[in-house]
Structure formats: C-alpha cells, structure tokens
Amino acid sequence: MRATAIEIPRPTSSAEYLVSQIKQHRKGATIAVAAVVLVSAAVALRLYKLGILSGADSAVTFSPDGKRFAFLRSSGTKESALIVVSPDGTGEQKLSSPNAPDTTS
C-alpha cells in the first residue's frame, strides 16, 4: 500500500484575510475609505469654523457624558476664556474669563 500525503490548509492570518476581502470587495472598500475621508474633512472644517483648530484655542476636553466639550479660547489681547459647546457647534457658552466679575462670593 502506498501512503497518500494529506495536505492540511495553512491557517490564514487576520491581515491576509482582510487583504483578500478588500480585493474581493474593491468597490465597497473604495467607497468606505472615501466616506471616512469626507467625514474627517467635514469634522475638521467644522472645528476650524468654530475656532478650535485656528491655533488660538487649547486642546478640546469632552464632558463625561459626551454631550458637550470645553476648551480655552485666547484672543490677541492676552485674554482667555473657558468655552463650552455642543459637538454640533451649537450652544456655545463662555463660562469664565479672567476679567469677568467674581460671582462665587
């Protein structure tokens, strides 16, 4: 009797699987990448229009519930203010400023 060699398929890595799926669904992958780029550009443009990416504002910090975010806005006159705004850019509020009257006492 002659022994027959049995070929055991080699397991594919997750990277190989992703590449093969992208190749099979090239059109869908292209549309998905284009959508991500467009959404990223829209968010960046919105943040720029709000003044967050203009260079005069600090890094953004989100509220724990994710409903608003805050940042420090500086003007050219060495004045800064704590600004709170909704993620869609509405409801901007100036919470405090060094020149604002102290209402805590």
Foldseek 3Di string as FASTA:
>chain_A
DDDDDDDDDDDDDPVVVVVVVCVVVVVVVVVVVVVVVVVVVVLVVQCVVLVNPVPQKDDWDADPVRQKIWIWGQDPVRKIFIWIAGSNGPDIDTDDIPPDDDPPD
